[in-house]
C-alpha atoms as a PDB file:
ATOM      1  CA  UNK A   1     -15.451 -45.243  21.043  1.00  0.00           C
ATOM      2  CA  UNK A   2     -12.727 -46.573  18.786  1.00  0.00           C
ATOM      3  CA  UNK A   3     -15.166 -46.659  15.840  1.00  0.00           C
ATOM      4  CA  UNK A   4     -16.203 -43.065  16.494  1.00  0.00           C
ATOM      5  CA  UNK A   5     -12.565 -42.035  16.721  1.00  0.00           C
ATOM      6  CA  UNK A   6     -11.833 -43.775  13.427  1.00  0.00           C
ATOM      7  CA  UNK A   7     -14.759 -42.008  11.726  1.00  0.00           C
ATOM      8  CA  UNK A   8     -13.469 -38.718  13.108  1.00  0.00           C
ATOM      9  CA  UNK A   9      -9.985 -39.464  11.762  1.00  0.00           C
ATOM     10  CA  UNK A  10     -11.516 -40.149   8.341  1.00  0.00           C
ATOM     11  CA  UNK A  11     -13.227 -36.764   8.441  1.00  0.00           C
ATOM     12  CA  UNK A  12     -16.775 -38.093   8.724  1.00  0.00           C
ATOM     13  CA  UNK A  13     -17.429 -36.878  12.284  1.00  0.00           C
ATOM     14  CA  UNK A  14     -16.533 -33.690  14.133  1.00  0.00           C
ATOM     15  CA  UNK A  15     -16.757 -32.497  17.728  1.00  0.00           C
ATOM     16  CA  UNK A  16     -17.571 -28.759  17.669  1.00  0.00           C
ATOM     17  CA  UNK A  17     -16.885 -28.349  21.407  1.00  0.00           C
ATOM     18  CA  UNK A  18     -15.012 -30.483  23.928  1.00  0.00           C
ATOM     19  CA  UNK A  19     -18.202 -30.919  25.953  1.00  0.00           C
ATOM     20  CA  UNK A  20     -20.407 -31.751  22.971  1.00  0.00           C
ATOM     21  CA  UNK A  21     -21.024 -35.010  21.151  1.00  0.00           C
ATOM     22  CA  UNK A  22     -19.747 -35.817  17.694  1.00  0.00           C
ATOM     23  CA  UNK A  23     -21.823 -34.798  14.672  1.00  0.00           C
ATOM     24  CA  UNK A  24     -21.482 -35.726  10.989  1.00  0.00           C
ATOM     25  CA  UNK A  25     -19.376 -33.451   8.806  1.00  0.00           C
ATOM     26  CA  UNK A  26     -20.287 -32.531   5.235  1.00  0.00           C
ATOM     27  CA  UNK A  27     -18.110 -35.471   4.150  1.00  0.00           C
ATOM     28  CA  UNK A  28     -20.015 -37.730   6.527  1.00  0.00           C
ATOM     29  CA  UNK A  29     -23.358 -36.719   5.089  1.00  0.00           C
ATOM     30  CA  UNK A  30     -21.953 -37.132   1.573  1.00  0.00           C
ATOM     31  CA  UNK A  31     -20.834 -40.696   2.345  1.00  0.00           C
ATOM     32  CA  UNK A  32     -24.289 -41.495   3.727  1.00  0.00           C
ATOM     33  CA  UNK A  33     -26.071 -40.043   0.685  1.00  0.00           C
ATOM     34  CA  UNK A  34     -23.815 -41.778  -1.833  1.00  0.00           C
ATOM     35  CA  UNK A  35     -23.472 -45.212  -0.248  1.00  0.00           C
ATOM     36  CA  UNK A  36     -25.941 -45.830   2.576  1.00  0.00           C
ATOM     37  CA  UNK A  37     -29.183 -43.974   1.826  1.00  0.00           C
ATOM     38  CA  UNK A  38     -32.351 -45.930   1.056  1.00  0.00           C
ATOM     39  CA  UNK A  39     -35.282 -43.834  -0.133  1.00  0.00           C
ATOM     40  CA  UNK A  40     -38.279 -43.641   2.159  1.00  0.00           C
ATOM     41  CA  UNK A  41     -41.538 -45.151   0.953  1.00  0.00           C
ATOM     42  CA  UNK A  42     -43.791 -42.105   0.577  1.00  0.00           C
ATOM     43  CA  UNK A  43     -46.978 -42.707   2.618  1.00  0.00           C
ATOM     44  CA  UNK A  44     -50.171 -42.943   0.576  1.00  0.00           C
ATOM     45  CA  UNK A  45     -51.731 -40.046   2.501  1.00  0.00           C
ATOM     46  CA  UNK A  46     -48.796 -37.837   1.473  1.00  0.00           C
ATOM     47  CA  UNK A  47     -49.146 -38.848  -2.194  1.00  0.00           C
ATOM     48  CA  UNK A  48     -52.869 -38.083  -2.074  1.00  0.00           C
ATOM     49  CA  UNK A  49     -52.145 -34.708  -0.464  1.00  0.00           C
ATOM     50  CA  UNK A  50     -49.581 -33.841  -3.163  1.00  0.00           C
ATOM     51  CA  UNK A  51     -51.920 -34.765  -6.020  1.00  0.00           C
ATOM     52  CA  UNK A  52     -54.841 -32.846  -4.525  1.00  0.00           C
ATOM     53  CA  UNK A  53     -52.763 -29.736  -3.848  1.00  0.00           C
ATOM     54  CA  UNK A  54     -51.391 -29.598  -7.399  1.00  0.00           C
ATOM     55  CA  UNK A  55     -54.876 -29.796  -8.870  1.00  0.00           C
ATOM     56  CA  UNK A  56     -56.296 -27.043  -6.707  1.00  0.00           C
ATOM     57  CA  UNK A  57     -56.375 -23.628  -8.400  1.00  0.00           C
ATOM     58  CA  UNK A  58     -53.708 -24.439 -10.979  1.00  0.00           C
ATOM     59  CA  UNK A  59     -55.172 -23.423 -14.329  1.00  0.00           C
ATOM     60  CA  UNK A  60     -51.918 -21.964 -15.634  1.00  0.00           C
ATOM     61  CA  UNK A  61     -48.170 -22.420 -15.316  1.00  0.00           C
ATOM     62  CA  UNK A  62     -47.621 -19.616 -12.801  1.00  0.00           C
ATOM     63  CA  UNK A  63     -50.319 -20.933 -10.489  1.00  0.00           C
ATOM     64  CA  UNK A  64     -48.912 -24.437 -10.718  1.00  0.00           C
ATOM     65  CA  UNK A  65     -45.308 -23.395 -10.027  1.00  0.00           C
ATOM     66  CA  UNK A  66     -46.447 -21.471  -6.948  1.00  0.00           C
ATOM     67  CA  UNK A  67     -48.439 -24.495  -5.794  1.00  0.00           C
ATOM     68  CA  UNK A  68     -45.482 -26.806  -6.434  1.00  0.00           C
ATOM     69  CA  UNK A  69     -43.237 -24.668  -4.210  1.00  0.00           C
ATOM     70  CA  UNK A  70     -45.859 -24.497  -1.455  1.00  0.00           C
ATOM     71  CA  UNK A  71     -46.545 -28.239  -1.530  1.00  0.00           C
ATOM     72  CA  UNK A  72     -42.839 -29.119  -1.509  1.00  0.00           C
ATOM     73  CA  UNK A  73     -42.246 -26.913   1.529  1.00  0.00           C
ATOM     74  CA  UNK A  74     -45.188 -28.518   3.288  1.00  0.00           C
ATOM     75  CA  UNK A  75     -44.215 -32.170   2.740  1.00  0.00           C
ATOM     76  CA  UNK A  76     -40.487 -31.679   3.443  1.00  0.00           C
ATOM     77  CA  UNK A  77     -40.768 -29.063   6.221  1.00  0.00           C
ATOM     78  CA  UNK A  78     -37.921 -27.062   4.703  1.00  0.00           C
ATOM     79  CA  UNK A  79     -37.681 -24.084   2.375  1.00  0.00           C
ATOM     80  CA  UNK A  80     -38.474 -24.793  -1.265  1.00  0.00           C
ATOM     81  CA  UNK A  81     -37.771 -23.240  -4.632  1.00  0.00           C
ATOM     82  CA  UNK A  82     -39.307 -23.951  -8.035  1.00  0.00           C
ATOM     83  CA  UNK A  83     -38.667 -22.597 -11.515  1.00  0.00           C
ATOM     84  CA  UNK A  84     -41.146 -22.851 -14.368  1.00  0.00           C
ATOM     85  CA  UNK A  85     -40.322 -25.355 -17.109  1.00  0.00           C
ATOM     86  CA  UNK A  86     -38.333 -23.578 -19.757  1.00  0.00           C
ATOM     87  CA  UNK A  87     -37.731 -24.657 -23.331  1.00  0.00           C
ATOM     88  CA  UNK A  88     -35.396 -23.389 -25.993  1.00  0.00           C
ATOM     89  CA  UNK A  89     -38.202 -21.471 -27.695  1.00  0.00           C
ATOM     90  CA  UNK A  90     -41.248 -19.524 -26.592  1.00  0.00           C
ATOM     91  CA  UNK A  91     -44.109 -19.902 -29.051  1.00  0.00           C
ATOM     92  CA  UNK A  92     -47.023 -17.515 -29.388  1.00  0.00           C
ATOM     93  CA  UNK A  93     -50.498 -18.665 -28.417  1.00  0.00           C
ATOM     94  CA  UNK A  94     -52.351 -15.327 -28.543  1.00  0.00           C
ATOM     95  CA  UNK A  95     -51.671 -11.591 -28.931  1.00  0.00           C
ATOM     96  CA  UNK A  96     -53.702  -8.674 -27.547  1.00  0.00           C
ATOM     97  CA  UNK A  97     -53.074  -4.958 -28.074  1.00  0.00           C
ATOM     98  CA  UNK A  98     -54.724  -2.310 -25.883  1.00  0.00           C
ATOM     99  CA  UNK A  99     -54.545   1.463 -26.350  1.00  0.00           C
ATOM    100  CA  UNK A 100     -53.558   3.173 -23.076  1.00  0.00           C
ATOM    101  CA  UNK A 101     -52.691   6.619 -24.428  1.00  0.00           C
ATOM    102  CA  UNK A 102     -52.570   7.973 -28.006  1.00  0.00           C
ATOM    103  CA  UNK A 103     -48.950   6.797 -28.310  1.00  0.00           C
ATOM    104  CA  UNK A 104     -48.881   4.137 -25.602  1.00  0.00           C
ATOM    105  CA  UNK A 105     -49.856   0.498 -26.199  1.00  0.00           C
ATOM    106  CA  UNK A 106     -50.171  -2.431 -23.807  1.00  0.00           C
ATOM    107  CA  UNK A 107     -48.758  -5.529 -25.531  1.00  0.00           C
ATOM    108  CA  UNK A 108     -50.099  -8.784 -24.086  1.00  0.00           C
ATOM    109  CA  UNK A 109     -48.453 -12.024 -25.212  1.00  0.00           C
ATOM    110  CA  UNK A 110     -49.795 -15.414 -24.217  1.00  0.00           C
ATOM    111  CA  UNK A 111     -47.196 -18.119 -24.855  1.00  0.00           C
ATOM    112  CA  UNK A 112     -47.693 -21.855 -25.095  1.00  0.00           C
ATOM    113  CA  UNK A 113     -48.151 -23.256 -21.609  1.00  0.00           C
ATOM    114  CA  UNK A 114     -50.320 -20.236 -20.702  1.00  0.00           C
ATOM    115  CA  UNK A 115     -47.291 -18.103 -19.827  1.00  0.00           C
ATOM    116  CA  UNK A 116     -48.307 -14.441 -19.873  1.00  0.00           C
ATOM    117  CA  UNK A 117     -45.977 -11.594 -20.864  1.00  0.00           C
ATOM    118  CA  UNK A 118     -47.089  -7.943 -20.740  1.00  0.00           C
ATOM    119  CA  UNK A 119     -45.285  -4.713 -21.500  1.00  0.00           C
ATOM    120  CA  UNK A 120     -46.115  -1.088 -22.249  1.00  0.00           C
ATOM    121  CA  UNK A 121     -44.812   0.044 -25.635  1.00  0.00           C
ATOM    122  CA  UNK A 122     -44.223   3.689 -26.575  1.00  0.00           C
ATOM    123  CA  UNK A 123     -44.966   4.096 -30.300  1.00  0.00           C
ATOM    124  CA  UNK A 124     -44.047   6.860 -32.733  1.00  0.00           C
ATOM    125  CA  UNK A 125     -47.495   7.583 -34.157  1.00  0.00           C
ATOM    126  CA  UNK A 126     -50.935   7.650 -32.589  1.00  0.00           C
ATOM    127  CA  UNK A 127     -52.445   4.174 -32.233  1.00  0.00           C
ATOM    128  CA  UNK A 128     -56.239   3.996 -31.930  1.00  0.00           C
ATOM    129  CA  UNK A 129     -57.979   0.963 -30.470  1.00  0.00           C
ATOM    130  CA  UNK A 130     -59.666   0.014 -33.790  1.00  0.00           C
ATOM    131  CA  UNK A 131     -56.243   0.010 -35.482  1.00  0.00           C
ATOM    132  CA  UNK A 132     -54.745  -2.082 -32.694  1.00  0.00           C
ATOM    133  CA  UNK A 133     -57.655  -4.538 -32.814  1.00  0.00           C
ATOM    134  CA  UNK A 134     -57.066  -5.056 -36.542  1.00  0.00           C
ATOM    135  CA  UNK A 135     -53.331  -5.549 -35.995  1.00  0.00           C
ATOM    136  CA  UNK A 136     -53.931  -8.006 -33.149  1.00  0.00           C
ATOM    137  CA  UNK A 137     -56.264  -9.986 -35.405  1.00  0.00           C
ATOM    138  CA  UNK A 138     -53.597 -10.056 -38.125  1.00  0.00           C
ATOM    139  CA  UNK A 139     -50.931 -11.173 -35.660  1.00  0.00           C
ATOM    140  CA  UNK A 140     -53.154 -13.950 -34.313  1.00  0.00           C
ATOM    141  CA  UNK A 141     -53.757 -15.235 -37.837  1.00  0.00           C
ATOM    142  CA  UNK A 142     -50.085 -15.291 -38.793  1.00  0.00           C
ATOM    143  CA  UNK A 143     -47.993 -15.637 -35.606  1.00  0.00           C
ATOM    144  CA  UNK A 144     -49.654 -18.347 -33.517  1.00  0.00           C
ATOM    145  CA  UNK A 145     -47.272 -21.256 -32.972  1.00  0.00           C
ATOM    146  CA  UNK A 146     -44.219 -19.271 -34.050  1.00  0.00           C
ATOM    147  CA  UNK A 147     -41.067 -18.487 -32.049  1.00  0.00           C
ATOM    148  CA  UNK A 148     -39.072 -15.250 -32.093  1.00  0.00           C
ATOM    149  CA  UNK A 149     -36.695 -16.001 -34.957  1.00  0.00           C
ATOM    150  CA  UNK A 150     -39.567 -17.257 -37.121  1.00  0.00           C
ATOM    151  CA  UNK A 151     -41.496 -14.033 -36.482  1.00  0.00           C
ATOM    152  CA  UNK A 152     -38.461 -11.920 -37.330  1.00  0.00           C
ATOM    153  CA  UNK A 153     -37.819 -13.743 -40.610  1.00  0.00           C
ATOM    154  CA  UNK A 154     -41.471 -13.583 -41.634  1.00  0.00           C
ATOM    155  CA  UNK A 155     -41.741  -9.807 -41.199  1.00  0.00           C
ATOM    156  CA  UNK A 156     -38.139  -8.725 -41.734  1.00  0.00           C
ATOM    157  CA  UNK A 157     -38.934  -6.566 -44.769  1.00  0.00           C
ATOM    158  CA  UNK A 158     -42.734  -6.665 -45.011  1.00  0.00           C
ATOM    159  CA  UNK A 159     -43.766  -4.717 -41.899  1.00  0.00           C
ATOM    160  CA  UNK A 160     -43.670  -0.922 -41.648  1.00  0.00           C
ATOM    161  CA  UNK A 161     -44.622   1.801 -39.173  1.00  0.00           C
ATOM    162  CA  UNK A 162     -46.724   0.812 -36.155  1.00  0.00           C
ATOM    163  CA  UNK A 163     -46.863  -2.826 -37.218  1.00  0.00           C
ATOM    164  CA  UNK A 164     -43.059  -3.058 -37.338  1.00  0.00           C
ATOM    165  CA  UNK A 165     -42.642  -1.306 -33.982  1.00  0.00           C
ATOM    166  CA  UNK A 166     -44.951  -3.798 -32.292  1.00  0.00           C
ATOM    167  CA  UNK A 167     -43.424  -6.790 -34.061  1.00  0.00           C
ATOM    168  CA  UNK A 168     -39.967  -5.698 -32.950  1.00  0.00           C
ATOM    169  CA  UNK A 169     -41.220  -5.676 -29.356  1.00  0.00           C
ATOM    170  CA  UNK A 170     -42.799  -9.109 -29.774  1.00  0.00           C
ATOM    171  CA  UNK A 171     -39.528 -10.532 -31.118  1.00  0.00           C
ATOM    172  CA  UNK A 172     -37.586  -8.909 -28.249  1.00  0.00           C
ATOM    173  CA  UNK A 173     -39.993 -10.333 -25.643  1.00  0.00           C
ATOM    174  CA  UNK A 174     -39.672 -13.820 -27.123  1.00  0.00           C
ATOM    175  CA  UNK A 175     -35.879 -13.506 -27.185  1.00  0.00           C
ATOM    176  CA  UNK A 176     -35.820 -12.603 -23.474  1.00  0.00           C
ATOM    177  CA  UNK A 177     -37.927 -15.649 -22.695  1.00  0.00           C
ATOM    178  CA  UNK A 178     -35.736 -17.939 -24.795  1.00  0.00           C
ATOM    179  CA  UNK A 179     -32.599 -16.649 -23.052  1.00  0.00           C
ATOM    180  CA  UNK A 180     -34.159 -17.464 -19.697  1.00  0.00           C
ATOM    181  CA  UNK A 181     -34.132 -13.828 -18.570  1.00  0.00           C
ATOM    182  CA  UNK A 182     -37.780 -14.017 -17.520  1.00  0.00           C
ATOM    183  CA  UNK A 183     -37.990 -17.521 -16.119  1.00  0.00           C
ATOM    184  CA  UNK A 184     -40.524 -17.659 -13.308  1.00  0.00           C
ATOM    185  CA  UNK A 185     -38.901 -18.675 -10.004  1.00  0.00           C
ATOM    186  CA  UNK A 186     -40.797 -18.828  -6.716  1.00  0.00           C
ATOM    187  CA  UNK A 187     -39.949 -19.942  -3.189  1.00  0.00           C
ATOM    188  CA  UNK A 188     -41.891 -20.955  -0.101  1.00  0.00           C
ATOM    189  CA  UNK A 189     -41.431 -22.372   3.377  1.00  0.00           C
ATOM    190  CA  UNK A 190     -38.899 -19.947   4.846  1.00  0.00           C
ATOM    191  CA  UNK A 191     -40.963 -20.147   8.040  1.00  0.00           C
ATOM    192  CA  UNK A 192     -39.948 -23.824   8.257  1.00  0.00           C
ATOM    193  CA  UNK A 193     -36.315 -22.776   8.647  1.00  0.00           C
ATOM    194  CA  UNK A 194     -37.227 -20.667  11.673  1.00  0.00           C
ATOM    195  CA  UNK A 195     -37.969 -23.895  13.536  1.00  0.00           C
ATOM    196  CA  UNK A 196     -34.523 -25.300  12.775  1.00  0.00           C
ATOM    197  CA  UNK A 197     -31.824 -24.596  15.415  1.00  0.00           C
ATOM    198  CA  UNK A 198     -29.231 -24.054  12.661  1.00  0.00           C
ATOM    199  CA  UNK A 199     -31.119 -20.928  11.606  1.00  0.00           C
ATOM    200  CA  UNK A 200     -31.709 -19.499  15.077  1.00  0.00           C
ATOM    201  CA  UNK A 201     -29.155 -16.796  14.306  1.00  0.00           C
ATOM    202  CA  UNK A 202     -30.779 -14.100  12.183  1.00  0.00           C
ATOM    203  CA  UNK A 203     -27.603 -13.641  10.126  1.00  0.00           C
ATOM    204  CA  UNK A 204     -27.709 -17.283   8.988  1.00  0.00           C
ATOM    205  CA  UNK A 205     -31.330 -16.997   7.908  1.00  0.00           C
ATOM    206  CA  UNK A 206     -30.640 -13.657   6.233  1.00  0.00           C
ATOM    207  CA  UNK A 207     -28.021 -15.293   4.012  1.00  0.00           C
ATOM    208  CA  UNK A 208     -30.556 -17.820   2.732  1.00  0.00           C
ATOM    209  CA  UNK A 209     -33.162 -15.099   2.208  1.00  0.00           C
ATOM    210  CA  UNK A 210     -30.698 -13.073   0.146  1.00  0.00           C
ATOM    211  CA  UNK A 211     -30.348 -15.986  -2.267  1.00  0.00           C
ATOM    212  CA  UNK A 212     -34.088 -16.675  -2.445  1.00  0.00           C
ATOM    213  CA  UNK A 213     -35.049 -13.045  -3.031  1.00  0.00           C
ATOM    214  CA  UNK A 214     -32.537 -12.406  -5.833  1.00  0.00           C
ATOM    215  CA  UNK A 215     -34.560 -14.043  -8.602  1.00  0.00           C
ATOM    216  CA  UNK A 216     -32.116 -13.651 -11.472  1.00  0.00           C
ATOM    217  CA  UNK A 217     -29.194 -14.964  -9.418  1.00  0.00           C
ATOM    218  CA  UNK A 218     -31.345 -17.817  -8.144  1.00  0.00           C
ATOM    219  CA  UNK A 219     -32.293 -18.765 -11.721  1.00  0.00           C
ATOM    220  CA  UNK A 220     -28.638 -19.027 -12.740  1.00  0.00           C
ATOM    221  CA  UNK A 221     -27.716 -20.838  -9.520  1.00  0.00           C
ATOM    222  CA  UNK A 222     -30.399 -23.483  -9.995  1.00  0.00           C
ATOM    223  CA  UNK A 223     -29.268 -24.194 -13.545  1.00  0.00           C
ATOM    224  CA  UNK A 224     -25.631 -24.452 -12.503  1.00  0.00           C
ATOM    225  CA  UNK A 225     -26.394 -26.746  -9.577  1.00  0.00           C
ATOM    226  CA  UNK A 226     -28.648 -29.142 -11.475  1.00  0.00           C
ATOM    227  CA  UNK A 227     -26.435 -29.216 -14.587  1.00  0.00           C
ATOM    228  CA  UNK A 228     -27.454 -32.122 -16.795  1.00  0.00           C
ATOM    229  CA  UNK A 229     -28.629 -34.251 -13.870  1.00  0.00           C
ATOM    230  CA  UNK A 230     -32.188 -35.232 -13.022  1.00  0.00           C
ATOM    231  CA  UNK A 231     -31.329 -35.187  -9.306  1.00  0.00           C
ATOM    232  CA  UNK A 232     -28.620 -33.322  -7.425  1.00  0.00           C
ATOM    233  CA  UNK A 233     -27.751 -33.165  -3.717  1.00  0.00           C
ATOM    234  CA  UNK A 234     -25.332 -30.409  -2.685  1.00  0.00           C
ATOM    235  CA  UNK A 235     -24.145 -30.490   0.929  1.00  0.00           C
ATOM    236  CA  UNK A 236     -22.692 -27.613   2.941  1.00  0.00           C
ATOM    237  CA  UNK A 237     -19.262 -26.589   1.676  1.00  0.00           C
ATOM    238  CA  UNK A 238     -20.007 -28.150  -1.730  1.00  0.00           C
ATOM    239  CA  UNK A 239     -22.258 -25.164  -2.482  1.00  0.00           C
ATOM    240  CA  UNK A 240     -20.716 -22.625  -4.849  1.00  0.00           C
ATOM    241  CA  UNK A 241     -22.825 -19.912  -3.205  1.00  0.00           C
ATOM    242  CA  UNK A 242     -21.179 -18.755   0.034  1.00  0.00           C
ATOM    243  CA  UNK A 243     -24.618 -17.930   1.503  1.00  0.00           C
ATOM    244  CA  UNK A 244     -25.662 -21.576   1.219  1.00  0.00           C
ATOM    245  CA  UNK A 245     -22.511 -23.254   2.510  1.00  0.00           C
ATOM    246  CA  UNK A 246     -24.174 -24.030   5.820  1.00  0.00           C
ATOM    247  CA  UNK A 247     -27.125 -25.663   4.047  1.00  0.00           C
ATOM    248  CA  UNK A 248     -28.023 -28.734   2.058  1.00  0.00           C
ATOM    249  CA  UNK A 249     -29.737 -28.224  -1.297  1.00  0.00           C
ATOM    250  CA  UNK A 250     -31.659 -31.068  -2.941  1.00  0.00           C
ATOM    251  CA  UNK A 251     -32.764 -30.477  -6.537  1.00  0.00           C
ATOM    252  CA  UNK A 252     -34.645 -32.397  -9.194  1.00  0.00           C
ATOM    253  CA  UNK A 253     -36.166 -31.571 -12.569  1.00  0.00           C
ATOM    254  CA  UNK A 254     -39.805 -31.733 -13.609  1.00  0.00           C
ATOM    255  CA  UNK A 255     -41.837 -30.945 -16.679  1.00  0.00           C
ATOM    256  CA  UNK A 256     -43.939 -32.443 -19.450  1.00  0.00           C
ATOM    257  CA  UNK A 257     -40.976 -33.457 -21.636  1.00  0.00           C
ATOM    258  CA  UNK A 258     -37.196 -33.697 -21.810  1.00  0.00           C
ATOM    259  CA  UNK A 259     -37.176 -30.507 -23.889  1.00  0.00           C
ATOM    260  CA  UNK A 260     -39.236 -28.508 -21.393  1.00  0.00           C
ATOM    261  CA  UNK A 261     -38.033 -28.773 -17.803  1.00  0.00           C
ATOM    262  CA  UNK A 262     -38.063 -26.732 -14.646  1.00  0.00           C
ATOM    263  CA  UNK A 263     -36.121 -27.184 -11.425  1.00  0.00           C
ATOM    264  CA  UNK A 264     -37.657 -28.041  -8.068  1.00  0.00           C
ATOM    265  CA  UNK A 265     -35.626 -27.945  -4.889  1.00  0.00           C
ATOM    266  CA  UNK A 266     -35.401 -27.978  -1.118  1.00  0.00           C
ATOM    267  CA  UNK A 267     -33.070 -25.904   1.060  1.00  0.00           C
ATOM    268  CA  UNK A 268     -32.500 -26.916   4.660  1.00  0.00           C
ATOM    269  CA  UNK A 269     -29.893 -27.843   7.266  1.00  0.00           C
ATOM    270  CA  UNK A 270     -27.171 -30.333   6.371  1.00  0.00           C
ATOM    271  CA  UNK A 271     -28.688 -32.753   8.899  1.00  0.00           C
ATOM    272  CA  UNK A 272     -31.977 -32.924   6.945  1.00  0.00           C
ATOM    273  CA  UNK A 273     -33.711 -36.295   6.516  1.00  0.00           C
ATOM    274  CA  UNK A 274     -32.253 -36.960   3.070  1.00  0.00           C
ATOM    275  CA  UNK A 275     -34.071 -40.234   2.351  1.00  0.00           C
ATOM    276  CA  UNK A 276     -37.436 -38.656   3.142  1.00  0.00           C
ATOM    277  CA  UNK A 277     -36.676 -35.375   1.382  1.00  0.00           C
ATOM    278  CA  UNK A 278     -35.507 -36.989  -1.864  1.00  0.00           C
ATOM    279  CA  UNK A 279     -38.462 -39.394  -2.006  1.00  0.00           C
ATOM    280  CA  UNK A 280     -41.029 -36.657  -1.383  1.00  0.00           C
ATOM    281  CA  UNK A 281     -39.335 -34.267  -3.789  1.00  0.00           C
ATOM    282  CA  UNK A 282     -39.533 -36.918  -6.505  1.00  0.00           C
ATOM    283  CA  UNK A 283     -43.210 -37.496  -5.704  1.00  0.00           C
ATOM    284  CA  UNK A 284     -43.989 -33.786  -6.101  1.00  0.00           C
ATOM    285  CA  UNK A 285     -41.963 -33.614  -9.331  1.00  0.00           C
ATOM    286  CA  UNK A 286     -43.813 -36.591 -10.802  1.00  0.00           C
ATOM    287  CA  UNK A 287     -47.236 -35.169  -9.949  1.00  0.00           C
ATOM    288  CA  UNK A 288     -46.243 -31.704 -11.208  1.00  0.00           C
ATOM    289  CA  UNK A 289     -45.034 -33.169 -14.518  1.00  0.00           C
ATOM    290  CA  UNK A 290     -48.377 -34.900 -15.026  1.00  0.00           C
ATOM    291  CA  UNK A 291     -50.250 -31.697 -14.220  1.00  0.00           C
ATOM    292  CA  UNK A 292     -48.070 -29.727 -16.660  1.00  0.00           C
ATOM    293  CA  UNK A 293     -48.959 -32.176 -19.420  1.00  0.00           C
ATOM    294  CA  UNK A 294     -52.661 -31.796 -18.583  1.00  0.00           C
ATOM    295  CA  UNK A 295     -52.324 -28.013 -18.908  1.00  0.00           C
ATOM    296  CA  UNK A 296     -50.880 -28.468 -22.385  1.00  0.00           C
ATOM    297  CA  UNK A 297     -47.512 -26.934 -21.591  1.00  0.00           C
END
């Protein structure tokens, strides 16, 4: 009893109600994570499951990121979030142009890593499919492997008319990618939170859902939380987001290189099994990085 009282005095334990037992505070969990936690040895069956899941139906980056989120939720039994690896530059792999209407063109950009970007472009003059096919062929001969600024410099004064209109859109699409405005972020496993007593109140779960569903905010939040670290554990009141202050967030990075990294994370109650969660998150990240390299990202 005296030891429990001392831990309570230090701020590591709290007693929510006079009739209830003592539970760890955010500071208590932080002390455990920083000084006492030993990582769990990930069972071989779990490693096999992770590797098999990330090789099933993952022929492109989007499919893999979705699979990464699903697998993480499954092995940690919490909610998960994953962002696609993002580099400083998006480089063109292939360009397609399709005539939709006389003055309406579907621009299809395939970037390195099999990231697909599509947009409908309204053009000034009529654009027939034969003309667009010729332009697409020209673009594929001269633009493959180039990033936005390189494309802009190459055609700054040379392109005119329809060609310039489409090139301007290509440069703009690449710029949006490079700024991170279109980073793919997916989440999974919200159903796992429903089984946690901390999320029995619908308002508590709604707060987490609000964060997960707001993709642009979530993208910024993930980058801020992970910072320059390879692993980050944010507990309860440490969260900058008020909606997540009753949760623990465990994040790590993954990707084929130091220049091209995404963020993978778990969101759950502050009493989560940290040693198990961190070990399994690292196992998923390692397998996902290998799969990314195989895809040629």
